[in-house]
Amino acid sequence: MGKKVHHVAVASDATIPLERLAETIDEDTGLVAITYVSFRTGSKTDVAEVIRLAHEAGALVLVDAFQAVGAIPIDVGELNADFVVSGTLKYLLGSAGLGFLYCRQDLLSQIVPTQTGWFADKDIFEMDIYDYSPSASARKFESGTPSIPNIYAGIAGMDLMHEIGIAATEQHVGRLIDLLVEGIDRIGARMVTPRDPAKRGPMVAVATTDEAAMVGALAEDDILTTARDGNVRLSLHAYNSEEDIAAMVEGLERHATLLAR
């Protein structure tokens, strides 16, 4: 039997209201796929509550935590998450090409990957092209030979973030975003990201009249940002400082003609 995808609309404050999710999730729902932090706006989902809603309806939950892991403390056991996916490129300070999947232990036997590779087989040395017998462990999700250089880079990044501290990073970035919001308000810019600290992650989106032009103008000032949906996205991490925030606000003000009011 086929599956149907339902997209839940985003509200005017860039969040997906829980009541809209509650109206969509029912006994026919198989999987709820959500982002922990939106890569478009920086809005943060109340993941624990979404998981509760889904589980009450008998549905599983897949959490995309790419824009959160390394910047926000995440305990998959405490969340009671079914699946969590992420990668090392962003806040784990690794390189591209390395991702990971968490699968709840009791779900392992129920999941059969539709794509596979050498290391996913129950016996990697059997090499039987007529038989598909995935490993009983999480190894069933692996593909072929891994990208070794990316693994070393990923491990180095994770070690560094453990040394710095994820919780400390969240607090540090939170303080910087508070300063950024003050600056955005002072210059009369319009913030797309939710103002409530509980509803935003480690990035802020500011409305523009021409996002590509704004990104280019800021780059000439040595301020690196990203264009997202008509906005300029400002991502912060442990290495950023109050001086960076001041420079960022000054840059936005300098190119005020590109700001949407």
Protein backbone atom coordinates (compact mmCIF):
# COMPACT_ATOMS: atom_id res chain seq x y z
CA MET A 1 0.00 0.00 0.00
CA GLY A 2 1.34 3.46 -0.90
CA LYS A 3 2.23 6.21 1.50
CA LYS A 4 1.10 9.83 1.48
CA VAL A 5 3.22 12.75 2.63
CA HIS A 6 1.57 15.58 4.60
CA HIS A 7 3.41 18.87 5.03
CA VAL A 8 2.48 20.89 8.10
CA ALA A 9 2.44 24.63 7.39
CA VAL A 10 4.79 27.00 9.16
CA ALA A 11 3.22 29.83 11.16
CA SER A 12 3.99 33.52 10.72
CA ASP A 13 6.56 33.36 13.54
CA ALA A 14 8.58 30.74 11.61
CA THR A 15 7.57 27.90 13.96
CA ILE A 16 5.38 24.87 13.36
CA PRO A 17 2.67 25.11 16.06
CA LEU A 18 2.14 21.95 18.07
CA GLU A 19 -1.61 22.22 17.56
CA ARG A 20 -1.12 21.95 13.79
CA LEU A 21 0.98 18.84 14.25
CA ALA A 22 -1.60 17.41 16.66
CA GLU A 23 -4.30 17.94 14.02
CA THR A 24 -2.22 16.15 11.39
CA ILE A 25 -0.90 13.19 13.38
CA ASP A 26 -3.45 10.37 13.74
CA GLU A 27 -3.70 6.58 13.82
CA ASP A 28 -2.86 6.40 10.11
CA THR A 29 0.45 8.24 10.58
CA GLY A 30 3.47 6.00 10.14
CA LEU A 31 6.37 8.42 10.57
CA VAL A 32 6.70 12.02 11.69
CA ALA A 33 9.83 13.66 10.25
CA ILE A 34 10.86 16.90 11.96
CA THR A 35 13.88 19.15 12.18
CA TYR A 36 15.30 20.01 15.58
CA VAL A 37 16.41 23.41 14.27
CA SER A 38 15.26 24.75 10.91
CA PHE A 39 18.12 25.42 8.51
CA ARG A 40 15.97 28.13 6.91
CA THR A 41 15.03 30.29 9.87
CA GLY A 42 16.79 28.94 12.97
CA SER A 43 13.49 28.15 14.69
CA LYS A 44 13.67 25.29 17.21
CA THR A 45 11.07 22.54 17.51
CA ASP A 46 9.74 21.26 20.82
CA VAL A 47 11.00 17.81 19.87
CA ALA A 48 10.03 16.09 23.11
CA GLU A 49 6.41 17.20 22.76
CA VAL A 50 6.23 16.17 19.10
CA ILE A 51 7.58 12.73 20.00
CA ARG A 52 4.96 12.43 22.74
CA LEU A 53 2.16 13.34 20.31
CA ALA A 54 3.41 10.90 17.70
CA HIS A 55 3.89 8.02 20.10
CA GLU A 56 0.40 8.49 21.52
CA ALA A 57 -0.91 8.01 17.97
CA GLY A 58 1.32 4.98 17.39
CA ALA A 59 3.68 6.77 14.97
CA LEU A 60 7.47 6.80 14.90
CA VAL A 61 9.57 9.98 14.80
CA LEU A 62 12.64 10.83 12.72
CA VAL A 63 14.53 13.86 14.05
CA ASP A 64 16.86 15.76 11.73
CA ALA A 65 19.33 17.25 14.19
CA PHE A 66 21.93 18.49 11.70
CA GLN A 67 21.58 22.13 12.76
CA ALA A 68 21.55 21.24 16.47
CA VAL A 69 24.12 18.53 17.25
CA GLY A 70 27.23 20.19 18.64
CA ALA A 71 25.41 23.40 19.55
CA ILE A 72 22.58 22.07 21.71
CA PRO A 73 22.83 19.21 24.25
CA ILE A 74 20.76 16.27 22.99
CA ASP A 75 19.96 13.11 24.95
CA VAL A 76 18.22 10.66 22.60
CA GLY A 77 17.23 8.45 25.52
CA GLU A 78 15.66 11.30 27.45
CA LEU A 79 13.81 12.42 24.30
CA ASN A 80 12.65 8.84 23.68
CA ALA A 81 13.55 9.43 20.04
CA ASP A 82 13.08 6.65 17.50
CA PHE A 83 15.56 7.89 14.90
CA VAL A 84 17.97 10.82 14.91
CA VAL A 85 20.11 11.77 11.92
CA SER A 86 22.89 14.32 11.71
CA GLY A 87 26.39 14.90 10.38
CA THR A 88 29.74 16.37 11.33
CA LEU A 89 29.87 19.25 8.83
CA LYS A 90 28.15 21.93 10.91
CA TYR A 91 28.50 22.38 14.67
CA LEU A 92 30.66 19.30 15.20
CA LEU A 93 33.41 21.08 13.26
CA GLY A 94 34.07 18.16 10.95
CA SER A 95 34.17 17.95 7.17
CA ALA A 96 31.46 17.15 4.64
CA GLY A 97 30.70 13.57 3.71
CA LEU A 98 30.20 12.05 7.14
CA GLY A 99 26.75 11.49 8.63
CA PHE A 100 25.30 9.27 11.31
CA LEU A 101 22.03 7.68 12.32
CA TYR A 102 20.69 6.76 15.75
CA CYS A 103 18.06 4.02 15.82
CA ARG A 104 16.28 2.98 19.00
CA GLN A 105 17.52 -0.45 20.05
CA ASP A 106 14.13 -2.17 20.05
CA LEU A 107 13.42 -0.96 16.49
CA LEU A 108 16.54 -2.50 14.94
CA SER A 109 14.89 -5.80 14.10
CA GLN A 110 11.93 -4.06 12.44
CA ILE A 111 13.94 -1.92 10.02
CA VAL A 112 15.23 -3.40 6.76
CA PRO A 113 17.32 -0.94 4.71
CA THR A 114 16.43 -0.67 1.01
CA GLN A 115 20.00 0.34 0.20
CA THR A 116 22.94 -1.62 1.42
CA GLY A 117 26.64 -2.24 1.09
CA TRP A 118 29.43 -4.59 2.04
CA PHE A 119 29.66 -3.70 5.74
CA ALA A 120 25.89 -3.95 6.25
CA ASP A 121 25.80 -7.70 5.67
CA LYS A 122 25.59 -10.16 8.55
CA ASP A 123 28.79 -11.77 7.25
CA ILE A 124 30.87 -9.26 5.29
CA PHE A 125 33.15 -12.02 3.99
CA GLU A 126 30.38 -14.23 2.65
CA MET A 127 30.00 -11.99 -0.43
CA ASP A 128 26.96 -13.87 -1.74
CA ILE A 129 25.38 -11.75 -4.50
CA TYR A 130 22.22 -13.91 -4.38
CA ASP A 131 21.49 -13.30 -0.72
CA TYR A 132 20.57 -10.15 1.21
CA SER A 133 20.93 -10.82 4.93
CA PRO A 134 21.58 -7.57 6.80
CA SER A 135 23.37 -7.55 10.13
CA ALA A 136 21.20 -7.79 13.23
CA SER A 137 23.08 -4.84 14.72
CA ALA A 138 23.15 -1.18 13.73
CA ARG A 139 25.82 -2.15 11.22
CA LYS A 140 22.93 -2.98 8.85
CA PHE A 141 22.71 0.76 8.10
CA GLU A 142 26.29 1.07 6.88
CA SER A 143 27.05 1.18 3.18
CA GLY A 144 30.38 0.51 1.52
CA THR A 145 33.90 1.48 2.47
CA PRO A 146 33.71 4.60 4.64
CA SER A 147 35.49 7.86 3.86
CA ILE A 148 38.50 7.48 6.15
CA PRO A 149 39.82 11.08 5.94
CA ASN A 150 36.37 12.41 6.84
CA ILE A 151 36.21 10.10 9.83
CA TYR A 152 39.49 11.46 11.20
CA ALA A 153 38.27 15.03 10.68
CA GLY A 154 34.94 14.16 12.31
CA ILE A 155 36.59 12.60 15.36
CA ALA A 156 38.87 15.63 15.78
CA GLY A 157 35.88 17.97 15.60
CA MET A 158 33.87 15.95 18.10
CA ASP A 159 36.83 15.77 20.49
CA LEU A 160 37.20 19.54 20.29
CA MET A 161 33.50 20.13 20.98
CA HIS A 162 33.62 17.75 23.95
CA GLU A 163 36.56 19.77 25.28
CA ILE A 164 34.74 23.08 24.78
CA GLY A 165 31.44 21.68 26.09
CA ILE A 166 28.09 21.54 24.30
CA ALA A 167 26.12 23.08 27.18
CA ALA A 168 28.71 25.84 27.54
CA THR A 169 28.48 26.47 23.81
CA GLU A 170 24.69 26.74 23.97
CA GLN A 171 24.91 29.31 26.77
CA HIS A 172 27.66 31.28 25.01
CA VAL A 173 25.78 31.39 21.70
CA GLY A 174 22.56 32.30 23.51
CA ARG A 175 24.24 35.38 25.01
CA LEU A 176 25.63 36.37 21.61
CA ILE A 177 22.21 36.02 19.98
CA ASP A 178 20.70 38.26 22.67
CA LEU A 179 23.26 40.91 21.72
CA LEU A 180 22.55 40.34 18.03
CA VAL A 181 18.81 40.78 18.57
CA GLU A 182 19.45 44.06 20.40
CA GLY A 183 21.54 45.24 17.46
CA ILE A 184 18.96 44.14 14.90
CA ASP A 185 16.29 46.10 16.75
CA ARG A 186 18.52 49.15 17.06
CA ILE A 187 19.11 49.41 13.31
CA GLY A 188 15.46 48.71 12.51
CA ALA A 189 16.00 45.38 10.75
CA ARG A 190 13.38 42.62 10.80
CA MET A 191 14.27 39.29 12.42
CA VAL A 192 12.55 36.24 10.95
CA THR A 193 13.75 33.85 13.64
CA PRO A 194 11.47 33.53 16.73
CA ARG A 195 12.35 35.98 19.49
CA ASP A 196 11.60 33.50 22.26
CA PRO A 197 14.99 31.91 23.20
CA ALA A 198 13.20 28.59 23.77
CA LYS A 199 12.06 28.59 20.15
CA ARG A 200 15.32 29.37 18.38
CA GLY A 201 18.59 27.58 17.76
CA PRO A 202 22.15 28.85 17.17
CA MET A 203 21.30 30.96 14.11
CA VAL A 204 19.30 34.04 13.22
CA ALA A 205 17.62 34.95 9.93
CA VAL A 206 17.20 38.60 8.98
CA ALA A 207 14.80 39.70 6.23
CA THR A 208 16.32 41.32 3.14
CA THR A 209 15.15 42.78 -0.17
CA ASP A 210 17.88 40.84 -1.99
CA GLU A 211 19.47 38.01 -0.02
CA ALA A 212 22.17 37.25 -2.60
CA ALA A 213 23.24 40.89 -2.73
CA MET A 214 23.33 41.11 1.06
CA VAL A 215 25.38 37.94 1.40
CA GLY A 216 27.80 39.26 -1.21
CA ALA A 217 28.06 42.69 0.41
CA LEU A 218 28.74 41.20 3.84
CA ALA A 219 31.33 38.82 2.35
CA GLU A 220 33.24 41.86 1.07
CA ASP A 221 33.32 42.98 4.71
CA ASP A 222 34.73 39.55 5.69
CA ILE A 223 31.42 38.56 7.28
CA LEU A 224 30.36 35.12 6.05
CA THR A 225 26.62 34.43 5.95
CA THR A 226 24.16 32.37 3.91
CA ALA A 227 21.07 33.21 1.84
CA ARG A 228 17.90 31.39 2.85
CA ASP A 229 14.38 32.08 1.53
CA GLY A 230 14.84 35.79 0.99
CA ASN A 231 16.73 36.22 4.25
CA VAL A 232 20.35 36.37 5.30
CA ARG A 233 21.16 33.64 7.83
CA LEU A 234 23.71 34.34 10.55
CA SER A 235 25.08 31.20 12.20
CA LEU A 236 26.99 31.43 15.49
CA HIS A 237 29.19 28.97 17.32
CA ALA A 238 31.66 28.60 20.18
CA TYR A 239 34.40 30.49 18.35
CA ASN A 240 32.33 33.64 17.82
CA SER A 241 32.69 36.68 20.10
CA GLU A 242 30.94 39.90 21.07
CA GLU A 243 33.26 41.67 18.63
CA ASP A 244 31.88 39.46 15.87
CA ILE A 245 28.34 40.48 16.79
CA ALA A 246 29.25 44.15 16.74
CA ALA A 247 30.86 43.74 13.31
CA MET A 248 27.83 41.84 12.05
CA VAL A 249 25.38 44.52 13.17
CA GLU A 250 27.59 47.23 11.71
CA GLY A 251 27.71 45.31 8.43
CA LEU A 252 23.93 45.00 8.28
CA GLU A 253 23.56 48.70 9.05
CA ARG A 254 26.14 49.60 6.42
CA HIS A 255 24.06 47.80 3.81
CA ALA A 256 20.72 48.94 5.22
CA THR A 257 19.30 49.54 1.74
CA LEU A 258 19.20 45.74 1.35
CA LEU A 259 17.25 45.19 4.58
CA ALA A 260 13.53 44.47 4.48
CA ARG A 261 11.71 46.52 7.09
